[in-house]
PDB file of all heavy atoms in Angstrom:
ATOM      1  N   ASN A   1      33.657  70.446 -13.008  1.00  0.00           N
ATOM      2  CA  ASN A   1      34.426  69.206 -12.971  1.00  0.00           C
ATOM      3  C   ASN A   1      35.137  68.936 -14.298  1.00  0.00           C
ATOM      4  O   ASN A   1      36.215  68.334 -14.317  1.00  0.00           O
ATOM      5  CB  ASN A   1      33.517  68.035 -12.615  1.00  0.00           C
ATOM      6  CG  ASN A   1      33.069  68.068 -11.162  1.00  0.00           C
ATOM      7  OD1 ASN A   1      33.807  68.523 -10.284  1.00  0.00           O
ATOM      8  ND2 ASN A   1      31.853  67.610 -10.905  1.00  0.00           N
ATOM      9  N   ALA A   2      34.548  69.386 -15.392  1.00  0.00           N
ATOM     10  CA  ALA A   2      35.174  69.173 -16.701  1.00  0.00           C
ATOM     11  C   ALA A   2      36.477  69.962 -16.826  1.00  0.00           C
ATOM     12  O   ALA A   2      37.419  69.522 -17.493  1.00  0.00           O
ATOM     13  CB  ALA A   2      34.218  69.570 -17.811  1.00  0.00           C
ATOM     14  N   LYS A   3      36.526  71.117 -16.168  1.00  0.00           N
ATOM     15  CA  LYS A   3      37.728  71.965 -16.214  1.00  0.00           C
ATOM     16  C   LYS A   3      38.590  71.794 -14.969  1.00  0.00           C
ATOM     17  O   LYS A   3      39.628  72.457 -14.844  1.00  0.00           O
ATOM     18  CB  LYS A   3      37.334  73.432 -16.355  1.00  0.00           C
ATOM     19  CG  LYS A   3      36.641  73.770 -17.661  1.00  0.00           C
ATOM     20  CD  LYS A   3      36.348  75.263 -17.751  1.00  0.00           C
ATOM     21  CE  LYS A   3      35.699  75.626 -19.076  1.00  0.00           C
ATOM     22  NZ  LYS A   3      35.393  77.075 -19.166  1.00  0.00           N
ATOM     23  N   ASN A   4      38.156  70.932 -14.050  1.00  0.00           N
ATOM     24  CA  ASN A   4      38.892  70.727 -12.799  1.00  0.00           C
ATOM     25  C   ASN A   4      39.166  72.050 -12.097  1.00  0.00           C
ATOM     26  O   ASN A   4      40.284  72.309 -11.614  1.00  0.00           O
ATOM     27  CB  ASN A   4      40.208  69.984 -13.065  1.00  0.00           C
ATOM     28  CG  ASN A   4      39.976  68.643 -13.715  1.00  0.00           C
ATOM     29  OD1 ASN A   4      39.181  67.844 -13.234  1.00  0.00           O
ATOM     30  ND2 ASN A   4      40.641  68.394 -14.833  1.00  0.00           N
ATOM     31  N   THR A   5      38.161  72.876 -12.049  1.00  0.00           N
ATOM     32  CA  THR A   5      38.303  74.223 -11.500  1.00  0.00           C
ATOM     33  C   THR A   5      37.191  74.497 -10.498  1.00  0.00           C
ATOM     34  O   THR A   5      36.043  74.101 -10.718  1.00  0.00           O
ATOM     35  CB  THR A   5      38.271  75.274 -12.623  1.00  0.00           C
ATOM     36  OG1 THR A   5      39.343  75.015 -13.536  1.00  0.00           O
ATOM     37  CG2 THR A   5      38.429  76.678 -12.063  1.00  0.00           C
ATOM     38  N   VAL A   6      37.538  75.156  -9.426  1.00  0.00           N
ATOM     39  CA  VAL A   6      36.555  75.585  -8.437  1.00  0.00           C
ATOM     40  C   VAL A   6      36.624  77.106  -8.350  1.00  0.00           C
ATOM     41  O   VAL A   6      37.700  77.698  -8.493  1.00  0.00           O
ATOM     42  CB  VAL A   6      36.809  74.921  -7.063  1.00  0.00           C
ATOM     43  CG1 VAL A   6      38.132  75.345  -6.468  1.00  0.00           C
ATOM     44  CG2 VAL A   6      35.670  75.195  -6.109  1.00  0.00           C
ATOM     45  N   TYR A   7      35.465  77.709  -8.153  1.00  0.00           N
ATOM     46  CA  TYR A   7      35.353  79.162  -8.125  1.00  0.00           C
ATOM     47  C   TYR A   7      34.775  79.618  -6.790  1.00  0.00           C
ATOM     48  O   TYR A   7      34.027  78.884  -6.140  1.00  0.00           O
ATOM     49  CB  TYR A   7      34.438  79.642  -9.252  1.00  0.00           C
ATOM     50  CG  TYR A   7      34.843  79.175 -10.628  1.00  0.00           C
ATOM     51  CD1 TYR A   7      34.269  78.035 -11.183  1.00  0.00           C
ATOM     52  CD2 TYR A   7      35.795  79.863 -11.362  1.00  0.00           C
ATOM     53  CE1 TYR A   7      34.636  77.593 -12.447  1.00  0.00           C
ATOM     54  CE2 TYR A   7      36.169  79.433 -12.623  1.00  0.00           C
ATOM     55  CZ  TYR A   7      35.589  78.302 -13.165  1.00  0.00           C
ATOM     56  OH  TYR A   7      35.955  77.868 -14.411  1.00  0.00           O
ATOM     57  N   LEU A   8      35.099  80.844  -6.424  1.00  0.00           N
ATOM     58  CA  LEU A   8      34.478  81.478  -5.268  1.00  0.00           C
ATOM     59  C   LEU A   8      34.059  82.887  -5.676  1.00  0.00           C
ATOM     60  O   LEU A   8      34.911  83.761  -5.873  1.00  0.00           O
ATOM     61  CB  LEU A   8      35.435  81.538  -4.080  1.00  0.00           C
ATOM     62  CG  LEU A   8      34.819  82.070  -2.782  1.00  0.00           C
ATOM     63  CD1 LEU A   8      33.779  81.078  -2.256  1.00  0.00           C
ATOM     64  CD2 LEU A   8      35.887  82.314  -1.725  1.00  0.00           C
ATOM     65  N   GLN A   9      32.760  83.069  -5.844  1.00  0.00           N
ATOM     66  CA  GLN A   9      32.221  84.392  -6.137  1.00  0.00           C
ATOM     67  C   GLN A   9      31.965  85.097  -4.822  1.00  0.00           C
ATOM     68  O   GLN A   9      31.210  84.596  -3.983  1.00  0.00           O
ATOM     69  CB  GLN A   9      30.919  84.277  -6.940  1.00  0.00           C
ATOM     70  CG  GLN A   9      30.261  85.605  -7.253  1.00  0.00           C
ATOM     71  CD  GLN A   9      31.086  86.463  -8.179  1.00  0.00           C
ATOM     72  OE1 GLN A   9      31.631  85.981  -9.168  1.00  0.00           O
ATOM     73  NE2 GLN A   9      31.173  87.752  -7.868  1.00  0.00           N
ATOM     74  N   MET A  10      32.615  86.239  -4.649  1.00  0.00           N
ATOM     75  CA  MET A  10      32.515  86.976  -3.384  1.00  0.00           C
ATOM     76  C   MET A  10      31.856  88.320  -3.653  1.00  0.00           C
ATOM     77  O   MET A  10      32.400  89.147  -4.398  1.00  0.00           O
ATOM     78  CB  MET A  10      33.911  87.175  -2.778  1.00  0.00           C
ATOM     79  CG  MET A  10      34.676  85.882  -2.582  1.00  0.00           C
ATOM     80  SD  MET A  10      36.246  86.107  -1.728  1.00  0.00           S
ATOM     81  CE  MET A  10      37.146  87.062  -2.948  1.00  0.00           C
ATOM     82  N   ASN A  11      30.682  88.520  -3.070  1.00  0.00           N
ATOM     83  CA  ASN A  11      29.944  89.770  -3.216  1.00  0.00           C
ATOM     84  C   ASN A  11      29.831  90.466  -1.870  1.00  0.00           C
ATOM     85  O   ASN A  11      30.056  89.861  -0.819  1.00  0.00           O
ATOM     86  CB  ASN A  11      28.552  89.490  -3.776  1.00  0.00           C
ATOM     87  CG  ASN A  11      28.576  88.860  -5.147  1.00  0.00           C
ATOM     88  OD1 ASN A  11      29.474  89.108  -5.953  1.00  0.00           O
ATOM     89  ND2 ASN A  11      27.598  88.006  -5.424  1.00  0.00           N
ATOM     90  N   SER A  12      29.469  91.730  -1.914  1.00  0.00           N
ATOM     91  CA  SER A  12      29.289  92.532  -0.691  1.00  0.00           C
ATOM     92  C   SER A  12      30.481  92.378   0.241  1.00  0.00           C
ATOM     93  O   SER A  12      30.322  92.128   1.448  1.00  0.00           O
ATOM     94  CB  SER A  12      27.994  92.102   0.027  1.00  0.00           C
ATOM     95  OG  SER A  12      26.876  92.262  -0.822  1.00  0.00           O
ATOM     96  N   LEU A  13      31.650  92.524  -0.295  1.00  0.00           N
ATOM     97  CA  LEU A  13      32.865  92.296   0.481  1.00  0.00           C
ATOM     98  C   LEU A  13      33.019  93.329   1.598  1.00  0.00           C
ATOM     99  O   LEU A  13      32.637  94.504   1.440  1.00  0.00           O
ATOM    100  CB  LEU A  13      34.087  92.313  -0.428  1.00  0.00           C
ATOM    101  CG  LEU A  13      34.294  91.019  -1.219  1.00  0.00           C
ATOM    102  CD1 LEU A  13      35.166  91.241  -2.436  1.00  0.00           C
ATOM    103  CD2 LEU A  13      34.866  89.944  -0.313  1.00  0.00           C
ATOM    104  N   LYS A  14      33.562  92.857   2.706  1.00  0.00           N
ATOM    105  CA  LYS A  14      33.770  93.687   3.894  1.00  0.00           C
ATOM    106  C   LYS A  14      35.265  93.733   4.218  1.00  0.00           C
ATOM    107  O   LYS A  14      36.010  92.804   3.861  1.00  0.00           O
ATOM    108  CB  LYS A  14      33.020  93.086   5.086  1.00  0.00           C
ATOM    109  CG  LYS A  14      31.533  92.887   4.858  1.00  0.00           C
ATOM    110  CD  LYS A  14      30.904  92.184   6.055  1.00  0.00           C
ATOM    111  CE  LYS A  14      29.422  91.942   5.842  1.00  0.00           C
ATOM    112  NZ  LYS A  14      28.805  91.252   7.006  1.00  0.00           N
ATOM    113  N   PRO A  15      35.700  94.752   4.928  1.00  0.00           N
ATOM    114  CA  PRO A  15      37.123  94.805   5.311  1.00  0.00           C
ATOM    115  C   PRO A  15      37.580  93.553   6.050  1.00  0.00           C
ATOM    116  O   PRO A  15      38.733  93.123   5.885  1.00  0.00           O
ATOM    117  CB  PRO A  15      37.190  96.049   6.195  1.00  0.00           C
ATOM    118  CG  PRO A  15      36.107  96.929   5.680  1.00  0.00           C
ATOM    119  CD  PRO A  15      35.002  95.997   5.297  1.00  0.00           C
ATOM    120  N   GLU A  16      36.691  92.957   6.834  1.00  0.00           N
ATOM    121  CA  GLU A  16      37.067  91.752   7.576  1.00  0.00           C
ATOM    122  C   GLU A  16      37.227  90.524   6.697  1.00  0.00           C
ATOM    123  O   GLU A  16      37.658  89.466   7.178  1.00  0.00           O
ATOM    124  CB  GLU A  16      36.068  91.466   8.704  1.00  0.00           C
ATOM    125  CG  GLU A  16      34.624  91.437   8.273  1.00  0.00           C
ATOM    126  CD  GLU A  16      33.910  92.764   8.521  1.00  0.00           C
ATOM    127  OE1 GLU A  16      34.506  93.838   8.233  1.00  0.00           O
ATOM    128  OE2 GLU A  16      32.737  92.714   8.980  1.00  0.00           O
ATOM    129  N   ASP A  17      36.909  90.635   5.424  1.00  0.00           N
ATOM    130  CA  ASP A  17      37.163  89.541   4.484  1.00  0.00           C
ATOM    131  C   ASP A  17      38.606  89.562   3.986  1.00  0.00           C
ATOM    132  O   ASP A  17      39.035  88.643   3.278  1.00  0.00           O
ATOM    133  CB  ASP A  17      36.228  89.621   3.276  1.00  0.00           C
ATOM    134  CG  ASP A  17      34.768  89.409   3.645  1.00  0.00           C
ATOM    135  OD1 ASP A  17      34.502  88.490   4.439  1.00  0.00           O
ATOM    136  OD2 ASP A  17      33.909  90.148   3.134  1.00  0.00           O
ATOM    137  N   THR A  18      39.342  90.608   4.329  1.00  0.00           N
ATOM    138  CA  THR A  18      40.742  90.702   3.915  1.00  0.00           C
ATOM    139  C   THR A  18      41.549  89.541   4.479  1.00  0.00           C
ATOM    140  O   THR A  18      41.525  89.284   5.687  1.00  0.00           O
ATOM    141  CB  THR A  18      41.349  92.037   4.390  1.00  0.00           C
ATOM    142  OG1 THR A  18      40.679  93.118   3.732  1.00  0.00           O
ATOM    143  CG2 THR A  18      42.834  92.096   4.080  1.00  0.00           C
ATOM    144  N   ALA A  19      42.228  88.819   3.602  1.00  0.00           N
ATOM    145  CA  ALA A  19      43.021  87.652   4.009  1.00  0.00           C
ATOM    146  C   ALA A  19      43.696  87.065   2.772  1.00  0.00           C
ATOM    147  O   ALA A  19      43.405  87.467   1.640  1.00  0.00           O
ATOM    148  CB  ALA A  19      42.132  86.592   4.648  1.00  0.00           C
ATOM    149  N   VAL A  20      44.573  86.119   3.014  1.00  0.00           N
ATOM    150  CA  VAL A  20      45.071  85.278   1.931  1.00  0.00           C
ATOM    151  C   VAL A  20      44.107  84.102   1.803  1.00  0.00           C
ATOM    152  O   VAL A  20      43.808  83.428   2.797  1.00  0.00           O
ATOM    153  CB  VAL A  20      46.495  84.781   2.200  1.00  0.00           C
ATOM    154  CG1 VAL A  20      46.949  83.853   1.073  1.00  0.00           C
ATOM    155  CG2 VAL A  20      47.450  85.963   2.336  1.00  0.00           C
ATOM    156  N   TYR A  21      43.622  83.880   0.605  1.00  0.00           N
ATOM    157  CA  TYR A  21      42.676  82.812   0.342  1.00  0.00           C
ATOM    158  C   TYR A  21      43.400  81.637  -0.308  1.00  0.00           C
ATOM    159  O   TYR A  21      44.121  81.806  -1.300  1.00  0.00           O
ATOM    160  CB  TYR A  21      41.552  83.315  -0.560  1.00  0.00           C
ATOM    161  CG  TYR A  21      40.558  84.176   0.183  1.00  0.00           C
ATOM    162  CD1 TYR A  21      40.913  85.442   0.634  1.00  0.00           C
ATOM    163  CD2 TYR A  21      39.269  83.720   0.450  1.00  0.00           C
ATOM    164  CE1 TYR A  21      40.018  86.231   1.338  1.00  0.00           C
ATOM    165  CE2 TYR A  21      38.361  84.508   1.152  1.00  0.00           C
ATOM    166  CZ  TYR A  21      38.745  85.752   1.593  1.00  0.00           C
ATOM    167  OH  TYR A  21      37.856  86.529   2.291  1.00  0.00           O
ATOM    168  N   TYR A  22      43.190  80.460   0.272  1.00  0.00           N
ATOM    169  CA  TYR A  22      43.854  79.249  -0.190  1.00  0.00           C
ATOM    170  C   TYR A  22      42.839  78.253  -0.735  1.00  0.00           C
ATOM    171  O   TYR A  22      41.791  78.019  -0.107  1.00  0.00           O
ATOM    172  CB  TYR A  22      44.607  78.577   0.953  1.00  0.00           C
ATOM    173  CG  TYR A  22      45.749  79.386   1.522  1.00  0.00           C
ATOM    174  CD1 TYR A  22      45.541  80.255   2.587  1.00  0.00           C
ATOM    175  CD2 TYR A  22      47.038  79.275   0.999  1.00  0.00           C
ATOM    176  CE1 TYR A  22      46.581  81.005   3.114  1.00  0.00           C
ATOM    177  CE2 TYR A  22      48.082  80.007   1.521  1.00  0.00           C
ATOM    178  CZ  TYR A  22      47.844  80.868   2.576  1.00  0.00           C
ATOM    179  OH  TYR A  22      48.880  81.603   3.096  1.00  0.00           O
ATOM    180  N   CYS A  23      43.176  77.640  -1.849  1.00  0.00           N
ATOM    181  CA  CYS A  23      42.374  76.556  -2.412  1.00  0.00           C
ATOM    182  C   CYS A  23      42.841  75.236  -1.796  1.00  0.00           C
ATOM    183  O   CYS A  23      44.046  75.052  -1.522  1.00  0.00           O
ATOM    184  CB  CYS A  23      42.564  76.535  -3.923  1.00  0.00           C
ATOM    185  SG  CYS A  23      41.638  75.254  -4.780  1.00  0.00           S
ATOM    186  N   ASN A  24      41.904  74.338  -1.594  1.00  0.00           N
ATOM    187  CA  ASN A  24      42.192  73.049  -0.974  1.00  0.00           C
ATOM    188  C   ASN A  24      41.481  71.948  -1.740  1.00  0.00           C
ATOM    189  O   ASN A  24      40.353  72.136  -2.205  1.00  0.00           O
ATOM    190  CB  ASN A  24      41.724  73.071   0.483  1.00  0.00           C
ATOM    191  CG  ASN A  24      41.757  71.710   1.136  1.00  0.00           C
ATOM    192  OD1 ASN A  24      40.783  70.960   1.075  1.00  0.00           O
ATOM    193  ND2 ASN A  24      42.875  71.384   1.756  1.00  0.00           N
TER     194      ASN A  24
END
């Protein structure tokens, strides 16, 4: 919250995770 930043750590990625990722 201090940096106004959100993160997404993605591990064990699979081919079906392929996509455009959007922040909201």
